[in-house]
């Protein structure tokens, strides 16, 4: 795809925001009463990394983030 640099940055920022929302929700849902908060934060961070990696991999394989002009 032939997209401008600004559009590519916007797509990556949207992926990051979606990943933050999913990671925060996963951390919130994984928290158990009486448990330390750090376990939920670490779990949410892992989910964030996983979702961000998945989003960038899919966008890269679709050619959205490529620098090709073709």
PDB file of N, CA and C in Angstrom:
ATOM      1  N   UNK A   1       0.838  -1.170   0.000  1.00  0.00           N
ATOM      2  CA  UNK A   1       0.000   0.000   0.000  1.00  0.00           C
ATOM      3  C   UNK A   1       0.885   1.237   0.000  1.00  0.00           C
ATOM      4  N   UNK A   2       0.416   2.234  -0.660  1.00  0.00           N
ATOM      5  CA  UNK A   2       1.164   3.480  -0.726  1.00  0.00           C
ATOM      6  C   UNK A   2       0.496   4.494   0.201  1.00  0.00           C
ATOM      7  N   UNK A   3       0.944   4.499   1.453  1.00  0.00           N
ATOM      8  CA  UNK A   3       0.401   5.409   2.446  1.00  0.00           C
ATOM      9  C   UNK A   3       1.476   6.405   2.857  1.00  0.00           C
ATOM     10  N   UNK A   4       1.051   7.577   3.238  1.00  0.00           N
ATOM     11  CA  UNK A   4       2.017   8.582   3.691  1.00  0.00           C
ATOM     12  C   UNK A   4       2.534   8.198   5.075  1.00  0.00           C
ATOM     13  N   UNK A   5       3.649   8.829   5.452  1.00  0.00           N
ATOM     14  CA  UNK A   5       4.268   8.537   6.736  1.00  0.00           C
ATOM     15  C   UNK A   5       3.328   8.885   7.892  1.00  0.00           C
ATOM     16  N   UNK A   6       2.592   9.965   7.772  1.00  0.00           N
ATOM     17  CA  UNK A   6       1.667  10.375   8.827  1.00  0.00           C
ATOM     18  C   UNK A   6       0.556   9.363   9.054  1.00  0.00           C
ATOM     19  N   UNK A   7       0.060   8.779   7.985  1.00  0.00           N
ATOM     20  CA  UNK A   7      -0.996   7.773   8.103  1.00  0.00           C
ATOM     21  C   UNK A   7      -0.442   6.515   8.761  1.00  0.00           C
ATOM     22  N   UNK A   8       0.790   6.135   8.406  1.00  0.00           N
ATOM     23  CA  UNK A   8       1.409   4.960   9.027  1.00  0.00           C
ATOM     24  C   UNK A   8       1.623   5.171  10.519  1.00  0.00           C
ATOM     25  N   UNK A   9       2.055   6.375  10.894  1.00  0.00           N
ATOM     26  CA  UNK A   9       2.234   6.688  12.316  1.00  0.00           C
ATOM     27  C   UNK A   9       0.895   6.642  13.031  1.00  0.00           C
ATOM     28  N   UNK A  10      -0.144   7.176  12.406  1.00  0.00           N
ATOM     29  CA  UNK A  10      -1.472   7.152  13.007  1.00  0.00           C
ATOM     30  C   UNK A  10      -1.962   5.716  13.209  1.00  0.00           C
ATOM     31  N   UNK A  11      -1.712   4.848  12.266  1.00  0.00           N
ATOM     32  CA  UNK A  11      -2.116   3.445  12.389  1.00  0.00           C
ATOM     33  C   UNK A  11      -1.375   2.777  13.541  1.00  0.00           C
ATOM     34  N   UNK A  12      -0.077   3.050  13.683  1.00  0.00           N
ATOM     35  CA  UNK A  12       0.696   2.456  14.779  1.00  0.00           C
ATOM     36  C   UNK A  12       0.221   3.008  16.125  1.00  0.00           C
ATOM     37  N   UNK A  13      -0.114   4.288  16.188  1.00  0.00           N
ATOM     38  CA  UNK A  13      -0.622   4.877  17.432  1.00  0.00           C
ATOM     39  C   UNK A  13      -1.967   4.265  17.803  1.00  0.00           C
ATOM     40  N   UNK A  14      -2.822   4.032  16.821  1.00  0.00           N
ATOM     41  CA  UNK A  14      -4.105   3.387  17.081  1.00  0.00           C
ATOM     42  C   UNK A  14      -3.887   1.965  17.598  1.00  0.00           C
ATOM     43  N   UNK A  15      -2.936   1.245  17.014  1.00  0.00           N
ATOM     44  CA  UNK A  15      -2.615  -0.100  17.504  1.00  0.00           C
ATOM     45  C   UNK A  15      -2.113  -0.058  18.941  1.00  0.00           C
ATOM     46  N   UNK A  16      -1.302   0.940  19.262  1.00  0.00           N
ATOM     47  CA  UNK A  16      -0.791   1.076  20.628  1.00  0.00           C
ATOM     48  C   UNK A  16      -1.930   1.383  21.611  1.00  0.00           C
ATOM     49  N   UNK A  17      -2.853   2.247  21.227  1.00  0.00           N
ATOM     50  CA  UNK A  17      -3.975   2.556  22.112  1.00  0.00           C
ATOM     51  C   UNK A  17      -4.886   1.347  22.332  1.00  0.00           C
ATOM     52  N   UNK A  18      -5.143   0.599  21.280  1.00  0.00           N
ATOM     53  CA  UNK A  18      -5.945  -0.614  21.419  1.00  0.00           C
ATOM     54  C   UNK A  18      -5.223  -1.614  22.319  1.00  0.00           C
ATOM     55  N   UNK A  19      -3.912  -1.725  22.167  1.00  0.00           N
ATOM     56  CA  UNK A  19      -3.140  -2.639  22.996  1.00  0.00           C
ATOM     57  C   UNK A  19      -3.156  -2.213  24.459  1.00  0.00           C
ATOM     58  N   UNK A  20      -3.085  -0.922  24.719  1.00  0.00           N
ATOM     59  CA  UNK A  20      -3.151  -0.427  26.101  1.00  0.00           C
ATOM     60  C   UNK A  20      -4.512  -0.742  26.714  1.00  0.00           C
ATOM     61  N   UNK A  21      -5.570  -0.543  25.958  1.00  0.00           N
ATOM     62  CA  UNK A  21      -6.916  -0.820  26.475  1.00  0.00           C
ATOM     63  C   UNK A  21      -7.083  -2.307  26.771  1.00  0.00           C
ATOM     64  N   UNK A  22      -6.651  -3.159  25.857  1.00  0.00           N
ATOM     65  CA  UNK A  22      -6.773  -4.606  26.068  1.00  0.00           C
ATOM     66  C   UNK A  22      -5.896  -5.049  27.236  1.00  0.00           C
ATOM     67  N   UNK A  23      -4.675  -4.514  27.334  1.00  0.00           N
ATOM     68  CA  UNK A  23      -3.787  -4.866  28.436  1.00  0.00           C
ATOM     69  C   UNK A  23      -4.330  -4.417  29.779  1.00  0.00           C
ATOM     70  N   UNK A  24      -4.882  -3.209  29.838  1.00  0.00           N
ATOM     71  CA  UNK A  24      -5.460  -2.719  31.089  1.00  0.00           C
ATOM     72  C   UNK A  24      -6.672  -3.551  31.501  1.00  0.00           C
ATOM     73  N   UNK A  25      -7.491  -3.905  30.540  1.00  0.00           N
ATOM     74  CA  UNK A  25      -8.663  -4.737  30.844  1.00  0.00           C
ATOM     75  C   UNK A  25      -8.240  -6.127  31.319  1.00  0.00           C
ATOM     76  N   UNK A  26      -7.228  -6.688  30.673  1.00  0.00           N
ATOM     77  CA  UNK A  26      -6.741  -8.011  31.084  1.00  0.00           C
ATOM     78  C   UNK A  26      -6.128  -7.955  32.484  1.00  0.00           C
ATOM     79  N   UNK A  27      -5.383  -6.902  32.778  1.00  0.00           N
ATOM     80  CA  UNK A  27      -4.829  -6.747  34.113  1.00  0.00           C
ATOM     81  C   UNK A  27      -5.906  -6.580  35.165  1.00  0.00           C
ATOM     82  N   UNK A  28      -6.930  -5.821  34.846  1.00  0.00           N
ATOM     83  CA  UNK A  28      -8.035  -5.624  35.778  1.00  0.00           C
ATOM     84  C   UNK A  28      -8.771  -6.941  36.035  1.00  0.00           C
ATOM     85  N   UNK A  29      -9.006  -7.690  34.977  1.00  0.00           N
ATOM     86  CA  UNK A  29      -9.730  -8.956  35.134  1.00  0.00           C
ATOM     87  C   UNK A  29      -8.902 -10.030  35.823  1.00  0.00           C
ATOM     88  N   UNK A  30      -7.572  -9.932  35.723  1.00  0.00           N
ATOM     89  CA  UNK A  30      -6.736 -10.962  36.334  1.00  0.00           C
ATOM     90  C   UNK A  30      -6.466 -10.695  37.812  1.00  0.00           C
ATOM     91  N   UNK A  31      -6.799  -9.498  38.295  1.00  0.00           N
ATOM     92  CA  UNK A  31      -6.525  -9.165  39.691  1.00  0.00           C
ATOM     93  C   UNK A  31      -7.486  -9.912  40.613  1.00  0.00           C
ATOM     94  N   UNK A  32      -6.918 -10.531  41.636  1.00  0.00           N
ATOM     95  CA  UNK A  32      -7.715 -11.245  42.632  1.00  0.00           C
ATOM     96  C   UNK A  32      -7.699 -10.460  43.938  1.00  0.00           C
ATOM     97  N   UNK A  33      -8.792 -10.453  44.660  1.00  0.00           N
ATOM     98  CA  UNK A  33      -8.831  -9.730  45.935  1.00  0.00           C
ATOM     99  C   UNK A  33      -7.781 -10.280  46.903  1.00  0.00           C
ATOM    100  N   UNK A  34      -7.067  -9.385  47.529  1.00  0.00           N
ATOM    101  CA  UNK A  34      -6.052  -9.780  48.485  1.00  0.00           C
ATOM    102  C   UNK A  34      -4.689 -10.038  47.864  1.00  0.00           C
ATOM    103  N   UNK A  35      -4.619 -10.110  46.559  1.00  0.00           N
ATOM    104  CA  UNK A  35      -3.345 -10.365  45.877  1.00  0.00           C
ATOM    105  C   UNK A  35      -2.630  -9.038  45.635  1.00  0.00           C
ATOM    106  N   UNK A  36      -1.344  -9.116  45.357  1.00  0.00           N
ATOM    107  CA  UNK A  36      -0.578  -7.904  45.075  1.00  0.00           C
ATOM    108  C   UNK A  36      -0.959  -7.354  43.704  1.00  0.00           C
ATOM    109  N   UNK A  37      -0.885  -6.056  43.610  1.00  0.00           N
ATOM    110  CA  UNK A  37      -1.238  -5.406  42.344  1.00  0.00           C
ATOM    111  C   UNK A  37      -0.189  -5.657  41.275  1.00  0.00           C
ATOM    112  N   UNK A  38       1.039  -5.903  41.683  1.00  0.00           N
ATOM    113  CA  UNK A  38       2.107  -6.058  40.694  1.00  0.00           C
ATOM    114  C   UNK A  38       1.886  -7.256  39.779  1.00  0.00           C
ATOM    115  N   UNK A  39       1.221  -8.301  40.279  1.00  0.00           N
ATOM    116  CA  UNK A  39       0.948  -9.456  39.427  1.00  0.00           C
ATOM    117  C   UNK A  39      -0.025  -9.084  38.304  1.00  0.00           C
ATOM    118  N   UNK A  40      -1.024  -8.298  38.636  1.00  0.00           N
ATOM    119  CA  UNK A  40      -1.982  -7.861  37.617  1.00  0.00           C
ATOM    120  C   UNK A  40      -1.313  -6.922  36.617  1.00  0.00           C
ATOM    121  N   UNK A  41      -0.399  -6.057  37.103  1.00  0.00           N
ATOM    122  CA  UNK A  41       0.300  -5.133  36.208  1.00  0.00           C
ATOM    123  C   UNK A  41       1.219  -5.904  35.266  1.00  0.00           C
ATOM    124  N   UNK A  42       1.924  -6.891  35.790  1.00  0.00           N
ATOM    125  CA  UNK A  42       2.796  -7.698  34.931  1.00  0.00           C
ATOM    126  C   UNK A  42       1.995  -8.491  33.904  1.00  0.00           C
ATOM    127  N   UNK A  43       0.859  -9.017  34.312  1.00  0.00           N
ATOM    128  CA  UNK A  43       0.022  -9.757  33.373  1.00  0.00           C
ATOM    129  C   UNK A  43      -0.511  -8.824  32.284  1.00  0.00           C
ATOM    130  N   UNK A  44      -0.974  -7.644  32.680  1.00  0.00           N
ATOM    131  CA  UNK A  44      -1.462  -6.670  31.703  1.00  0.00           C
ATOM    132  C   UNK A  44      -0.368  -6.211  30.756  1.00  0.00           C
ATOM    133  N   UNK A  45       0.859  -6.048  31.277  1.00  0.00           N
ATOM    134  CA  UNK A  45       1.986  -5.680  30.412  1.00  0.00           C
ATOM    135  C   UNK A  45       2.316  -6.760  29.401  1.00  0.00           C
ATOM    136  N   UNK A  46       2.235  -8.000  29.837  1.00  0.00           N
ATOM    137  CA  UNK A  46       2.466  -9.108  28.902  1.00  0.00           C
ATOM    138  C   UNK A  46       1.408  -9.168  27.814  1.00  0.00           C
ATOM    139  N   UNK A  47       0.174  -8.917  28.192  1.00  0.00           N
ATOM    140  CA  UNK A  47      -0.910  -8.894  27.199  1.00  0.00           C
ATOM    141  C   UNK A  47      -0.716  -7.727  26.238  1.00  0.00           C
ATOM    142  N   UNK A  48      -0.291  -6.570  26.760  1.00  0.00           N
ATOM    143  CA  UNK A  48      -0.017  -5.424  25.897  1.00  0.00           C
ATOM    144  C   UNK A  48       1.041  -5.761  24.863  1.00  0.00           C
ATOM    145  N   UNK A  49       2.137  -6.378  25.296  1.00  0.00           N
ATOM    146  CA  UNK A  49       3.215  -6.738  24.371  1.00  0.00           C
ATOM    147  C   UNK A  49       2.713  -7.739  23.333  1.00  0.00           C
ATOM    148  N   UNK A  50       1.922  -8.697  23.766  1.00  0.00           N
ATOM    149  CA  UNK A  50       1.395  -9.692  22.838  1.00  0.00           C
ATOM    150  C   UNK A  50       0.459  -9.097  21.804  1.00  0.00           C
ATOM    151  N   UNK A  51      -0.437  -8.229  22.234  1.00  0.00           N
ATOM    152  CA  UNK A  51      -1.396  -7.618  21.306  1.00  0.00           C
ATOM    153  C   UNK A  51      -0.685  -6.674  20.350  1.00  0.00           C
ATOM    154  N   UNK A  52       0.273  -5.901  20.864  1.00  0.00           N
ATOM    155  CA  UNK A  52       1.020  -4.975  19.994  1.00  0.00           C
ATOM    156  C   UNK A  52       1.817  -5.747  18.949  1.00  0.00           C
ATOM    157  N   UNK A  53       2.452  -6.833  19.371  1.00  0.00           N
ATOM    158  CA  UNK A  53       3.199  -7.667  18.425  1.00  0.00           C
ATOM    159  C   UNK A  53       2.272  -8.253  17.366  1.00  0.00           C
ATOM    160  N   UNK A  54       1.121  -8.725  17.797  1.00  0.00           N
ATOM    161  CA  UNK A  54       0.158  -9.293  16.855  1.00  0.00           C
ATOM    162  C   UNK A  54      -0.324  -8.245  15.858  1.00  0.00           C
ATOM    163  N   UNK A  55      -0.646  -7.052  16.339  1.00  0.00           N
ATOM    164  CA  UNK A  55      -1.117  -5.980  15.445  1.00  0.00           C
ATOM    165  C   UNK A  55      -0.050  -5.601  14.417  1.00  0.00           C
ATOM    166  N   UNK A  56       1.187  -5.404  14.883  1.00  0.00           N
ATOM    167  CA  UNK A  56       2.247  -5.007  13.956  1.00  0.00           C
ATOM    168  C   UNK A  56       2.594  -6.123  12.977  1.00  0.00           C
ATOM    169  N   UNK A  57       2.512  -7.369  13.418  1.00  0.00           N
ATOM    170  CA  UNK A  57       2.766  -8.488  12.513  1.00  0.00           C
ATOM    171  C   UNK A  57       1.705  -8.562  11.421  1.00  0.00           C
ATOM    172  N   UNK A  58       0.452  -8.401  11.810  1.00  0.00           N
ATOM    173  CA  UNK A  58      -0.638  -8.441  10.821  1.00  0.00           C
ATOM    174  C   UNK A  58      -0.526  -7.268   9.849  1.00  0.00           C
ATOM    175  N   UNK A  59      -0.253  -6.074  10.363  1.00  0.00           N
ATOM    176  CA  UNK A  59      -0.116  -4.917   9.478  1.00  0.00           C
ATOM    177  C   UNK A  59       1.092  -5.056   8.557  1.00  0.00           C
ATOM    178  N   UNK A  60       2.171  -5.626   9.063  1.00  0.00           N
ATOM    179  CA  UNK A  60       3.348  -5.849   8.224  1.00  0.00           C
ATOM    180  C   UNK A  60       3.095  -6.881   7.140  1.00  0.00           C
ATOM    181  N   UNK A  61       2.377  -7.938   7.487  1.00  0.00           N
ATOM    182  CA  UNK A  61       2.106  -8.968   6.481  1.00  0.00           C
ATOM    183  C   UNK A  61       1.101  -8.502   5.437  1.00  0.00           C
ATOM    184  N   UNK A  62       0.233  -7.571   5.795  1.00  0.00           N
ATOM    185  CA  UNK A  62      -0.707  -7.016   4.824  1.00  0.00           C
ATOM    186  C   UNK A  62      -0.068  -5.946   3.946  1.00  0.00           C
ATOM    187  N   UNK A  63       1.133  -5.500   4.316  1.00  0.00           N
ATOM    188  CA  UNK A  63       1.825  -4.513   3.522  1.00  0.00           C
ATOM    189  C   UNK A  63       1.491  -3.074   3.885  1.00  0.00           C
ATOM    190  N   UNK A  64       0.827  -2.874   4.992  1.00  0.00           N
ATOM    191  CA  UNK A  64       0.452  -1.523   5.384  1.00  0.00           C
ATOM    192  C   UNK A  64       1.674  -0.717   5.813  1.00  0.00           C
ATOM    193  N   UNK A  65       2.617  -1.363   6.495  1.00  0.00           N
ATOM    194  CA  UNK A  65       3.788  -0.668   7.014  1.00  0.00           C
ATOM    195  C   UNK A  65       5.008  -0.778   6.110  1.00  0.00           C
ATOM    196  N   UNK A  66       4.862  -1.358   4.949  1.00  0.00           N
ATOM    197  CA  UNK A  66       6.008  -1.523   4.060  1.00  0.00           C
ATOM    198  C   UNK A  66       6.370  -0.199   3.390  1.00  0.00           C
ATOM    199  N   UNK A  67       7.601  -0.114   2.948  1.00  0.00           N
ATOM    200  CA  UNK A  67       8.080   1.097   2.275  1.00  0.00           C
ATOM    201  C   UNK A  67       8.081   0.950   0.757  1.00  0.00           C
ATOM    202  N   UNK A  68       7.532  -0.126   0.250  1.00  0.00           N
ATOM    203  CA  UNK A  68       7.490  -0.352  -1.189  1.00  0.00           C
ATOM    204  C   UNK A  68       6.541   0.650  -1.852  1.00  0.00           C
ATOM    205  N   UNK A  69       6.889   1.038  -3.035  1.00  0.00           N
ATOM    206  CA  UNK A  69       6.019   1.926  -3.812  1.00  0.00           C
ATOM    207  C   UNK A  69       5.075   1.136  -4.702  1.00  0.00           C
ATOM    208  N   UNK A  70       5.270  -0.176  -4.776  1.00  0.00           N
ATOM    209  CA  UNK A  70       4.457  -0.999  -5.662  1.00  0.00           C
ATOM    210  C   UNK A  70       3.192  -1.428  -5.039  1.00  0.00           C
TER     211      UNK A  70
END
